């Protein structure tokens, strides 16, 4: 078998579970992961960009506001009108709600006025608090409400004191929140649309693959006429076309194999038929011609033989006659043609038991008036039983055996069993004689559409089962009449 591409890797554990996830969920998972990471990166970039743009604008606004406030407070401070200063601070904060506080100090740093309802916080009450610088003239404070841009500006060039102003970044945060919300809604819509498109794409991808897998299963069951539907011209479509071409080739090859097997079985059938006919001819010649000649020789010896050698020669000729008759019986027992399988197989079992000393139980069961089986079936079962009993004699070292024939209306069954040493059926191919014997049994059964099963294991004995379907033709059985 040739592997195309890199060799397959057998995944294990978590990796196996991950790669075994259906394609639909893989596509949806990849799409969702990409969308989430894209959304996170996009939000970070947008928020960072907004901060880089809006914070300088907010700082500039804070500086503009504090400078305008310093100009507005020059006259009230110069004349010492503290009420006007407080009113100016109130109006400024009311006009600009993002201004968190305003502090007015005199030239010595003492707080003159402020907008805090309960006093200036300690860290801001100092004349010049040590605060981290963020930009020119701007100090950024971190509070519970967010960042505050703290700016200062002199009043009357510093002779009237200074004004401090704190501007909150809530406006920037609100803009960031609004844009983030819009982006999230857009991403959610994009994920819904993307998930729908991914599901549609996965369905379009998975459906032909599933159909192709179903077609492959049907093809594996032996239906070579199955074809996969070609729905597109992409890689999956090319795969379906390649599968169809393979199915066509397999179907053609299967037809060729079946035709070859049919011809082979027909040839084997003819060979076996010719062999049986030749066995019959040889058996008759041995029994009739050679047997009669030996019998005549025996009579001649009895009449004209030398007086001292006649008993010896007569015994030798009698032994040869028995061997010839036994050989003729093994070649083709005439009783099989005349009286059927029951009589022939029973006689053969009896002879084997006498020769080998085995205890063989023989049973033949058939329905009353069922009649004889077809000639081909009787010959096949007889030869299989003959070969099985020969193997028992030569190899099994068994003490007991049984031969059972069950003739039913539609099928005939032969079971030959022994309690011998048994053998490894798979390893039997290394034994040429045994391999040929088992192959011959199977081939004879297969020629009639039957099946031969051999069950054995070392030390467990052997069971041979043959089942052959019966044809419609029946002949009356003389042994049953």
Protein backbone atom coordinates (compact mmCIF):
# COMPACT_ATOMS: atom_id res chain seq x y z
CA UNK A 1 0.00 0.00 0.00
CA UNK A 2 1.38 3.40 -0.97
CA UNK A 3 0.90 6.36 1.36
CA UNK A 4 0.58 9.79 -0.26
CA UNK A 5 2.05 12.67 1.74
CA UNK A 6 3.42 12.53 5.25
CA UNK A 7 2.80 9.42 7.36
CA UNK A 8 -0.27 9.56 9.59
CA UNK A 9 0.22 10.47 13.24
CA UNK A 10 -1.79 8.71 15.89
CA UNK A 11 -2.93 11.40 18.35
CA UNK A 12 -3.47 10.53 21.98
CA UNK A 13 -5.13 12.06 25.03
CA UNK A 14 -6.18 15.70 24.84
CA UNK A 15 -4.75 16.13 21.37
CA UNK A 16 -6.84 13.26 20.10
CA UNK A 17 -10.00 14.76 21.58
CA UNK A 18 -9.16 18.13 20.04
CA UNK A 19 -8.52 16.80 16.56
CA UNK A 20 -11.64 14.62 16.83
CA UNK A 21 -13.95 17.64 17.23
CA UNK A 22 -16.39 17.89 14.28
CA UNK A 23 -15.34 20.24 11.47
CA UNK A 24 -18.37 22.48 12.09
CA UNK A 25 -17.22 23.27 15.64
CA UNK A 26 -13.62 23.65 14.51
CA UNK A 27 -14.58 26.33 11.99
CA UNK A 28 -16.88 28.08 14.45
CA UNK A 29 -14.21 27.92 17.16
CA UNK A 30 -11.54 29.37 14.89
CA UNK A 31 -13.89 32.13 13.76
CA UNK A 32 -14.92 33.01 17.33
CA UNK A 33 -11.30 33.01 18.54
CA UNK A 34 -10.18 35.28 15.72
CA UNK A 35 -13.12 37.61 16.31
CA UNK A 36 -12.45 37.86 20.08
CA UNK A 37 -8.75 38.54 19.65
CA UNK A 38 -9.43 41.00 16.86
CA UNK A 39 -11.96 42.79 19.09
CA UNK A 40 -9.56 42.95 22.04
CA UNK A 41 -6.73 44.33 19.91
CA UNK A 42 -9.07 46.77 18.18
CA UNK A 43 -10.44 48.06 21.49
CA UNK A 44 -6.97 48.50 22.95
CA UNK A 45 -5.83 50.36 19.85
CA UNK A 46 -8.93 52.59 19.83
CA UNK A 47 -8.69 53.42 23.53
CA UNK A 48 -4.98 54.09 23.26
CA UNK A 49 -5.52 56.28 20.20
CA UNK A 50 -8.29 58.22 21.92
CA UNK A 51 -6.11 58.77 24.95
CA UNK A 52 -3.25 60.05 22.79
CA UNK A 53 -5.62 62.42 20.99
CA UNK A 54 -8.02 63.60 23.71
CA UNK A 55 -5.64 63.97 26.65
CA UNK A 56 -3.51 66.66 24.97
CA UNK A 57 -6.73 68.41 23.98
CA UNK A 58 -7.93 68.20 27.58
CA UNK A 59 -4.62 69.56 28.85
CA UNK A 60 -4.83 72.46 26.43
CA UNK A 61 -8.39 73.16 27.57
CA UNK A 62 -7.27 73.13 31.22
CA UNK A 63 -4.47 75.61 30.48
CA UNK A 64 -6.86 77.87 28.56
CA UNK A 65 -9.40 77.73 31.36
CA UNK A 66 -6.90 78.55 34.13
CA UNK A 67 -5.41 81.42 32.16
CA UNK A 68 -8.83 82.91 31.46
CA UNK A 69 -9.66 82.46 35.15
CA UNK A 70 -6.48 84.25 36.17
CA UNK A 71 -7.34 87.17 33.90
CA UNK A 72 -10.89 87.34 35.29
CA UNK A 73 -9.58 87.41 38.88
CA UNK A 74 -7.01 90.23 38.43
CA UNK A 75 -9.37 93.08 39.40
CA UNK A 76 -11.17 91.39 42.34
CA UNK A 77 -7.83 90.26 43.79
CA UNK A 78 -6.24 93.67 43.27
CA UNK A 79 -9.06 95.43 45.19
CA UNK A 80 -9.37 92.60 47.74
CA UNK A 81 -13.00 91.80 46.84
CA UNK A 82 -13.15 88.24 48.17
CA UNK A 83 -16.87 87.97 47.55
CA UNK A 84 -16.38 88.68 43.85
CA UNK A 85 -13.61 86.10 43.77
CA UNK A 86 -15.90 83.43 45.23
CA UNK A 87 -18.69 84.38 42.83
CA UNK A 88 -16.32 84.14 39.87
CA UNK A 89 -15.20 80.71 41.02
CA UNK A 90 -18.81 79.55 41.40
CA UNK A 91 -19.81 80.77 37.94
CA UNK A 92 -16.77 79.18 36.35
CA UNK A 93 -17.44 75.76 37.89
CA UNK A 94 -21.16 75.97 37.08
CA UNK A 95 -20.36 76.82 33.47
CA UNK A 96 -17.79 74.03 33.17
CA UNK A 97 -19.04 70.95 35.09
CA UNK A 98 -15.84 68.98 34.32
CA UNK A 99 -13.84 71.43 36.46
CA UNK A 100 -13.47 69.56 39.74
CA UNK A 101 -12.00 72.39 41.78
CA UNK A 102 -10.51 75.95 41.68
CA UNK A 103 -8.13 77.27 44.35
CA UNK A 104 -7.02 80.89 44.63
CA UNK A 105 -3.85 81.60 46.65
CA UNK A 106 -2.16 84.85 47.61
CA UNK A 107 1.45 85.61 46.81
CA UNK A 108 2.61 83.78 49.91
CA UNK A 109 0.69 80.60 48.97
CA UNK A 110 -2.11 80.96 51.50
CA UNK A 111 -5.54 79.84 50.22
CA UNK A 112 -7.83 82.78 49.70
CA UNK A 113 -10.80 81.02 48.12
CA UNK A 114 -11.78 77.60 46.72
CA UNK A 115 -14.71 75.57 45.42
CA UNK A 116 -14.48 72.59 47.78
CA UNK A 117 -17.61 72.24 49.94
CA UNK A 118 -15.73 71.07 53.05
CA UNK A 119 -12.26 72.54 52.73
CA UNK A 120 -9.24 72.03 50.60
CA UNK A 121 -7.71 68.51 50.80
CA UNK A 122 -4.38 68.43 52.63
CA UNK A 123 -2.34 67.48 49.60
CA UNK A 124 -3.70 70.49 47.70
CA UNK A 125 -3.67 72.93 50.66
CA UNK A 126 0.13 73.24 50.54
CA UNK A 127 1.51 76.26 48.79
CA UNK A 128 3.21 74.34 46.04
CA UNK A 129 2.46 70.58 46.32
CA UNK A 130 5.07 68.22 44.93
CA UNK A 131 3.06 66.60 42.10
CA UNK A 132 4.32 64.50 39.16
CA UNK A 133 4.65 66.45 35.95
CA UNK A 134 2.80 65.08 32.91
CA UNK A 135 3.25 67.92 30.39
CA UNK A 136 4.32 71.53 30.27
CA UNK A 137 2.36 73.33 33.00
CA UNK A 138 0.13 70.31 33.66
CA UNK A 139 0.24 67.85 36.56
CA UNK A 140 -1.88 64.68 36.45
CA UNK A 141 -3.52 63.54 39.69
CA UNK A 142 -5.02 60.10 40.26
CA UNK A 143 -8.27 60.17 42.22
CA UNK A 144 -11.16 57.88 42.98
CA UNK A 145 -13.12 59.55 40.17
CA UNK A 146 -10.34 59.15 37.62
CA UNK A 147 -7.54 61.37 36.37
CA UNK A 148 -7.50 65.08 37.16
CA UNK A 149 -5.38 67.53 35.16
CA UNK A 150 -4.05 70.11 37.70
CA UNK A 151 -2.86 73.42 36.17
CA UNK A 152 -1.75 76.73 37.72
CA UNK A 153 -1.53 80.28 36.43
CA UNK A 154 -0.20 83.52 38.09
CA UNK A 155 -2.48 86.45 38.86
CA UNK A 156 -1.02 89.86 38.03
CA UNK A 157 2.27 88.17 37.07
CA UNK A 158 2.41 86.51 40.46
CA UNK A 159 1.99 89.65 42.57
CA UNK A 160 -1.68 88.85 43.15
CA UNK A 161 -1.07 85.16 43.83
CA UNK A 162 -1.97 82.08 41.74
CA UNK A 163 -5.06 80.23 40.66
CA UNK A 164 -5.07 76.37 40.59
CA UNK A 165 -7.62 74.48 38.50
CA UNK A 166 -8.36 70.76 38.36
CA UNK A 167 -10.05 69.42 35.23
CA UNK A 168 -11.52 65.88 35.28
CA UNK A 169 -11.02 63.45 32.38
CA UNK A 170 -14.63 62.23 32.62
CA UNK A 171 -15.28 63.65 29.20
CA UNK A 172 -12.49 61.55 27.73
CA UNK A 173 -13.72 58.49 29.64
CA UNK A 174 -17.27 59.09 28.40
CA UNK A 175 -16.02 59.32 24.82
CA UNK A 176 -13.98 56.17 25.24
CA UNK A 177 -16.96 54.35 26.76
CA UNK A 178 -19.29 55.44 23.98
CA UNK A 179 -16.85 54.42 21.28
CA UNK A 180 -16.12 51.13 23.09
CA UNK A 181 -19.83 50.39 23.30
CA UNK A 182 -20.25 51.10 19.60
CA UNK A 183 -17.28 48.91 18.73
CA UNK A 184 -18.61 46.08 20.91
CA UNK A 185 -22.01 46.24 19.23
CA UNK A 186 -20.31 46.24 15.84
CA UNK A 187 -18.16 43.27 16.87
CA UNK A 188 -21.20 41.41 18.22
CA UNK A 189 -23.01 42.00 14.93
CA UNK A 190 -19.90 40.93 13.02
CA UNK A 191 -19.63 37.77 15.17
CA UNK A 192 -23.27 36.90 14.55
CA UNK A 193 -22.89 37.42 10.81
CA UNK A 194 -19.53 35.64 10.81
CA UNK A 195 -20.90 32.72 12.81
CA UNK A 196 -23.77 32.39 10.39
CA UNK A 197 -21.41 32.48 7.40
CA UNK A 198 -19.06 30.02 9.12
CA UNK A 199 -21.95 27.69 9.89
CA UNK A 200 -23.13 27.91 6.29
CA UNK A 201 -19.60 27.29 5.00
CA UNK A 202 -19.09 24.40 7.43
CA UNK A 203 -22.39 22.89 6.35
CA UNK A 204 -21.39 23.21 2.71
CA UNK A 205 -18.07 21.57 3.51
CA UNK A 206 -19.29 18.85 5.85
CA UNK A 207 -22.33 17.72 3.86
CA UNK A 208 -20.38 16.41 0.82
CA UNK A 209 -17.78 14.91 3.13
CA UNK A 210 -20.48 13.02 5.04
CA UNK A 211 -22.05 11.87 1.79
CA UNK A 212 -18.63 10.77 0.59
CA UNK A 213 -18.06 8.86 3.84
CA UNK A 214 -21.48 7.20 3.49
CA UNK A 215 -20.67 6.24 -0.09
CA UNK A 216 -17.34 4.81 1.08
CA UNK A 217 -19.13 2.71 3.72
CA UNK A 218 -21.58 1.41 1.10
CA UNK A 219 -18.66 0.66 -1.21
CA UNK A 220 -16.92 -1.18 1.62
CA UNK A 221 -20.01 -3.37 2.02
CA UNK A 222 -19.62 -4.56 -1.56
CA UNK A 223 -22.02 -2.26 -3.43
CA UNK A 224 -19.70 -1.14 -6.22
CA UNK A 225 -22.46 0.74 -8.04
CA UNK A 226 -22.52 3.55 -5.45
CA UNK A 227 -21.44 7.02 -6.60
CA UNK A 228 -20.72 10.21 -4.65
CA UNK A 229 -22.54 13.39 -5.62
CA UNK A 230 -20.29 16.10 -7.10
CA UNK A 231 -21.66 19.43 -5.85
CA UNK A 232 -18.78 21.78 -6.63
CA UNK A 233 -15.54 22.14 -8.51
CA UNK A 234 -13.34 22.69 -5.45
CA UNK A 235 -11.04 20.21 -3.72
CA UNK A 236 -13.96 18.29 -2.21
CA UNK A 237 -15.57 18.06 -5.64
CA UNK A 238 -12.29 16.74 -7.07
CA UNK A 239 -12.17 14.23 -4.20
CA UNK A 240 -15.71 13.06 -5.02
CA UNK A 241 -14.77 12.71 -8.70
CA UNK A 242 -11.68 10.71 -7.74
CA UNK A 243 -13.86 8.50 -5.51
CA UNK A 244 -16.28 7.90 -8.40
CA UNK A 245 -13.42 6.99 -10.73
CA UNK A 246 -12.11 4.60 -8.11
CA UNK A 247 -15.58 3.07 -7.68
CA UNK A 248 -15.88 2.60 -11.46
CA UNK A 249 -12.47 0.90 -11.60
CA UNK A 250 -13.35 -1.28 -8.60
CA UNK A 251 -16.64 -2.25 -10.20
CA UNK A 252 -14.89 -3.16 -13.45
CA UNK A 253 -12.20 -5.04 -11.55
CA UNK A 254 -14.83 -6.83 -9.48
CA UNK A 255 -16.62 -7.92 -12.64
CA UNK A 256 -13.36 -9.20 -14.06
CA UNK A 257 -12.60 -11.05 -10.82
CA UNK A 258 -16.08 -12.57 -10.71
CA UNK A 259 -15.82 -13.61 -14.34
CA UNK A 260 -12.40 -15.08 -13.70
CA UNK A 261 -13.66 -16.89 -10.59
CA UNK A 262 -16.64 -18.15 -12.55
CA UNK A 263 -14.39 -19.50 -15.27
CA UNK A 264 -12.02 -20.93 -12.68
CA UNK A 265 -14.82 -22.64 -10.77
CA UNK A 266 -16.28 -23.95 -14.00
CA UNK A 267 -12.87 -25.35 -14.93
CA UNK A 268 -12.38 -26.86 -11.47
CA UNK A 269 -15.88 -28.31 -11.62
CA UNK A 270 -15.13 -29.90 -14.98
CA UNK A 271 -11.82 -31.23 -13.68
CA UNK A 272 -13.43 -32.72 -10.58
CA UNK A 273 -16.27 -34.17 -12.69
CA UNK A 274 -13.77 -35.67 -15.12
CA UNK A 275 -11.73 -36.92 -12.19
CA UNK A 276 -14.75 -38.63 -10.65
CA UNK A 277 -15.62 -40.20 -13.99
CA UNK A 278 -12.04 -41.38 -14.41
CA UNK A 279 -12.09 -42.75 -10.86
CA UNK A 280 -15.24 -44.65 -11.73
CA UNK A 281 -13.68 -46.07 -14.88
CA UNK A 282 -10.52 -47.09 -13.06
CA UNK A 283 -12.54 -48.53 -10.18
CA UNK A 284 -14.61 -50.68 -12.54
CA UNK A 285 -11.53 -51.81 -14.43
CA UNK A 286 -9.81 -52.75 -11.17
CA UNK A 287 -12.88 -54.51 -9.84
CA UNK A 288 -14.01 -56.20 -13.04
CA UNK A 289 -11.01 -56.81 -15.25
CA UNK A 290 -8.08 -57.03 -12.85
CA UNK A 291 -10.20 -58.63 -10.16
CA UNK A 292 -11.57 -61.24 -12.54
CA UNK A 293 -8.09 -61.95 -13.89
CA UNK A 294 -6.72 -62.45 -10.39
CA UNK A 295 -9.66 -64.64 -9.48
CA UNK A 296 -9.03 -66.79 -12.59
CA UNK A 297 -5.36 -66.96 -11.61
CA UNK A 298 -6.36 -68.15 -8.14
CA UNK A 299 -8.55 -70.92 -9.61
CA UNK A 300 -5.74 -71.92 -11.96
CA UNK A 301 -3.33 -72.18 -9.04
CA UNK A 302 -5.82 -74.28 -7.12
CA UNK A 303 -6.12 -76.67 -10.09
CA UNK A 304 -2.63 -76.85 -11.60
CA UNK A 305 -0.29 -75.25 -9.00
CA UNK A 306 2.69 -77.06 -7.54
CA UNK A 307 1.57 -79.18 -4.60
CA UNK A 308 3.94 -77.57 -2.08
CA UNK A 309 3.51 -73.96 -3.20
CA UNK A 310 -0.24 -73.91 -3.86
CA UNK A 311 -1.38 -72.71 -0.38
CA UNK A 312 1.22 -69.92 -0.35
CA UNK A 313 0.43 -68.74 -3.88
CA UNK A 314 -3.30 -68.97 -3.22
CA UNK A 315 -2.94 -66.83 -0.08
CA UNK A 316 -0.84 -64.24 -1.92
CA UNK A 317 -3.31 -63.99 -4.79
CA UNK A 318 -6.22 -63.71 -2.32
CA UNK A 319 -4.39 -60.85 -0.59
CA UNK A 320 -3.83 -59.07 -3.89
CA UNK A 321 -7.50 -59.50 -4.78
CA UNK A 322 -8.52 -57.90 -1.47
CA UNK A 323 -6.11 -55.00 -2.04
CA UNK A 324 -7.43 -54.45 -5.55
CA UNK A 325 -11.02 -54.47 -4.33
CA UNK A 326 -10.12 -52.05 -1.51
CA UNK A 327 -8.34 -49.79 -3.98
CA UNK A 328 -11.32 -49.89 -6.33
CA UNK A 329 -13.63 -49.04 -3.41
CA UNK A 330 -11.52 -46.05 -2.44
CA UNK A 331 -11.33 -44.85 -6.01
CA UNK A 332 -15.10 -44.84 -6.51
CA UNK A 333 -17.46 -47.01 -4.44
CA UNK A 334 -20.16 -48.35 -6.68
CA UNK A 335 -22.55 -48.37 -3.74
CA UNK A 336 -22.48 -44.54 -3.80
CA UNK A 337 -23.98 -44.54 -7.30
CA UNK A 338 -26.39 -47.39 -6.60
CA UNK A 339 -27.64 -46.74 -3.06
CA UNK A 340 -26.62 -43.19 -2.14
CA UNK A 341 -24.52 -41.36 0.41
CA UNK A 342 -25.90 -43.03 3.53
CA UNK A 343 -24.94 -46.55 2.50
CA UNK A 344 -21.58 -45.56 0.97
CA UNK A 345 -20.48 -43.36 3.87
CA UNK A 346 -21.66 -45.86 6.46
CA UNK A 347 -19.66 -48.60 4.76
CA UNK A 348 -16.58 -46.36 4.54
CA UNK A 349 -16.81 -45.39 8.22
CA UNK A 350 -17.08 -49.07 9.12
CA UNK A 351 -13.97 -49.95 7.11
CA UNK A 352 -11.94 -47.08 8.60
CA UNK A 353 -12.96 -48.12 12.13
CA UNK A 354 -11.81 -51.68 11.48
CA UNK A 355 -8.48 -50.63 9.95
CA UNK A 356 -7.56 -47.94 12.51
CA UNK A 357 -9.18 -49.22 15.68
CA UNK A 358 -11.00 -45.92 16.15
CA UNK A 359 -14.41 -45.74 17.74
CA UNK A 360 -16.42 -43.82 15.13
CA UNK A 361 -20.03 -42.81 15.72
CA UNK A 362 -21.94 -42.44 12.43
CA UNK A 363 -25.37 -40.82 12.08
CA UNK A 364 -27.38 -39.97 9.00
CA UNK A 365 -30.58 -37.97 9.53
CA UNK A 366 -33.09 -37.08 6.84
CA UNK A 367 -36.79 -36.41 6.70
CA UNK A 368 -38.95 -39.40 5.73
CA UNK A 369 -39.47 -39.71 1.98
CA UNK A 370 -37.10 -36.79 1.37
CA UNK A 371 -35.22 -38.75 -1.26
CA UNK A 372 -31.62 -38.74 -2.30
CA UNK A 373 -29.56 -35.64 -2.57
CA UNK A 374 -28.22 -34.56 -5.99
CA UNK A 375 -25.25 -36.60 -7.23
CA UNK A 376 -22.84 -33.68 -6.98
CA UNK A 377 -23.79 -33.04 -3.36
CA UNK A 378 -23.43 -36.70 -2.40
CA UNK A 379 -20.03 -36.97 -4.08
CA UNK A 380 -18.83 -33.73 -2.43
CA UNK A 381 -19.90 -34.78 1.07
CA UNK A 382 -18.46 -38.26 0.59
CA UNK A 383 -15.06 -36.92 -0.57
CA UNK A 384 -14.90 -34.38 2.27
CA UNK A 385 -15.72 -37.06 4.84
CA UNK A 386 -13.19 -39.40 3.21
CA UNK A 387 -10.45 -36.75 3.38
CA UNK A 388 -11.36 -35.83 6.97
CA UNK A 389 -11.23 -39.46 8.12
CA UNK A 390 -7.90 -39.92 6.35
CA UNK A 391 -6.50 -36.92 8.25
CA UNK A 392 -7.83 -38.34 11.52
CA UNK A 393 -6.06 -41.65 10.84
CA UNK A 394 -2.74 -40.05 9.86
CA UNK A 395 -2.39 -36.98 12.07
CA UNK A 396 -4.87 -36.71 14.95
CA UNK A 397 -3.88 -39.57 17.28
CA UNK A 398 -7.57 -39.60 18.25
CA UNK A 399 -9.39 -42.43 20.02
CA UNK A 400 -12.94 -41.36 19.19
CA UNK A 401 -14.54 -39.67 16.22
CA UNK A 402 -18.01 -38.97 14.86
CA UNK A 403 -19.49 -38.43 11.42
CA UNK A 404 -22.93 -36.81 11.26
CA UNK A 405 -24.95 -36.01 8.14
CA UNK A 406 -28.09 -33.90 8.43
CA UNK A 407 -30.19 -33.67 5.27
CA UNK A 408 -32.75 -30.86 5.46
CA UNK A 409 -35.11 -29.70 2.69
CA UNK A 410 -32.84 -26.83 1.60
CA UNK A 411 -29.38 -27.64 2.91
CA UNK A 412 -27.20 -30.62 3.73
CA UNK A 413 -24.76 -30.50 6.65
CA UNK A 414 -21.76 -32.76 7.33
CA UNK A 415 -19.93 -32.65 10.66
CA UNK A 416 -16.75 -34.67 11.27
CA UNK A 417 -15.29 -34.40 14.79
CA UNK A 418 -12.46 -36.08 16.68
CA UNK A 419 -10.85 -35.88 20.14
CA UNK A 420 -7.29 -35.89 18.83
CA UNK A 421 -4.33 -33.57 19.28
CA UNK A 422 -5.73 -30.84 17.05
CA UNK A 423 -3.64 -28.28 15.18
CA UNK A 424 -3.23 -24.56 14.53
CA UNK A 425 -5.53 -23.81 11.59
CA UNK A 426 -3.59 -20.68 10.57
CA UNK A 427 -0.27 -22.48 10.65
CA UNK A 428 -1.65 -25.43 8.68
CA UNK A 429 -0.59 -23.72 5.46
CA UNK A 430 3.03 -24.71 6.14
CA UNK A 431 2.05 -28.38 5.94
CA UNK A 432 1.66 -29.07 2.24
CA UNK A 433 -0.41 -32.24 2.56
CA UNK A 434 -2.74 -30.82 5.16
CA UNK A 435 -3.01 -27.50 3.31
CA UNK A 436 -4.00 -29.25 0.11
CA UNK A 437 -6.52 -31.39 2.00
CA UNK A 438 -8.21 -28.42 3.68
CA UNK A 439 -8.16 -26.39 0.47
CA UNK A 440 -9.70 -29.28 -1.41
CA UNK A 441 -12.53 -29.56 1.13
CA UNK A 442 -13.25 -25.83 0.94
CA UNK A 443 -13.05 -25.78 -2.84
CA UNK A 444 -15.43 -28.70 -3.24
CA UNK A 445 -17.98 -27.04 -0.94
CA UNK A 446 -17.56 -23.64 -2.64
CA UNK A 447 -18.20 -25.17 -6.09
CA UNK A 448 -21.73 -26.01 -4.93
CA UNK A 449 -22.25 -22.64 -3.22
CA UNK A 450 -21.52 -24.10 0.20
CA UNK A 451 -19.05 -23.43 2.96
CA UNK A 452 -16.49 -25.52 4.81
CA UNK A 453 -15.39 -24.39 8.29
CA UNK A 454 -12.50 -25.96 10.20
CA UNK A 455 -12.28 -25.44 13.97
CA UNK A 456 -9.22 -26.74 15.79
CA UNK A 457 -6.56 -25.84 18.32
CA UNK A 458 -3.58 -27.76 19.71
CA UNK A 459 -4.86 -30.29 22.25
CA UNK A 460 -8.53 -29.44 21.58
CA UNK A 461 -9.42 -31.85 18.76
CA UNK A 462 -10.85 -30.87 15.38
CA UNK A 463 -14.33 -30.12 14.03
CA UNK A 464 -15.07 -29.86 10.31
CA UNK A 465 -18.48 -28.47 9.28
CA UNK A 466 -19.69 -28.45 5.70
CA UNK A 467 -22.98 -26.87 4.62
CA UNK A 468 -24.11 -27.28 1.02
CA UNK A 469 -27.37 -25.94 -0.43
CA UNK A 470 -29.54 -28.56 -2.13
CA UNK A 471 -30.99 -28.16 -5.61
CA UNK A 472 -34.60 -28.82 -6.53
CA UNK A 473 -33.78 -32.17 -8.14
CA UNK A 474 -34.31 -35.24 -5.90
CA UNK A 475 -34.08 -38.93 -6.59
CA UNK A 476 -35.64 -41.71 -4.52
CA UNK A 477 -33.12 -43.24 -2.13
CA UNK A 478 -33.05 -47.06 -2.26
CA UNK A 479 -31.59 -47.23 1.23
CA UNK A 480 -34.67 -45.45 2.62
CA UNK A 481 -37.31 -47.36 0.57
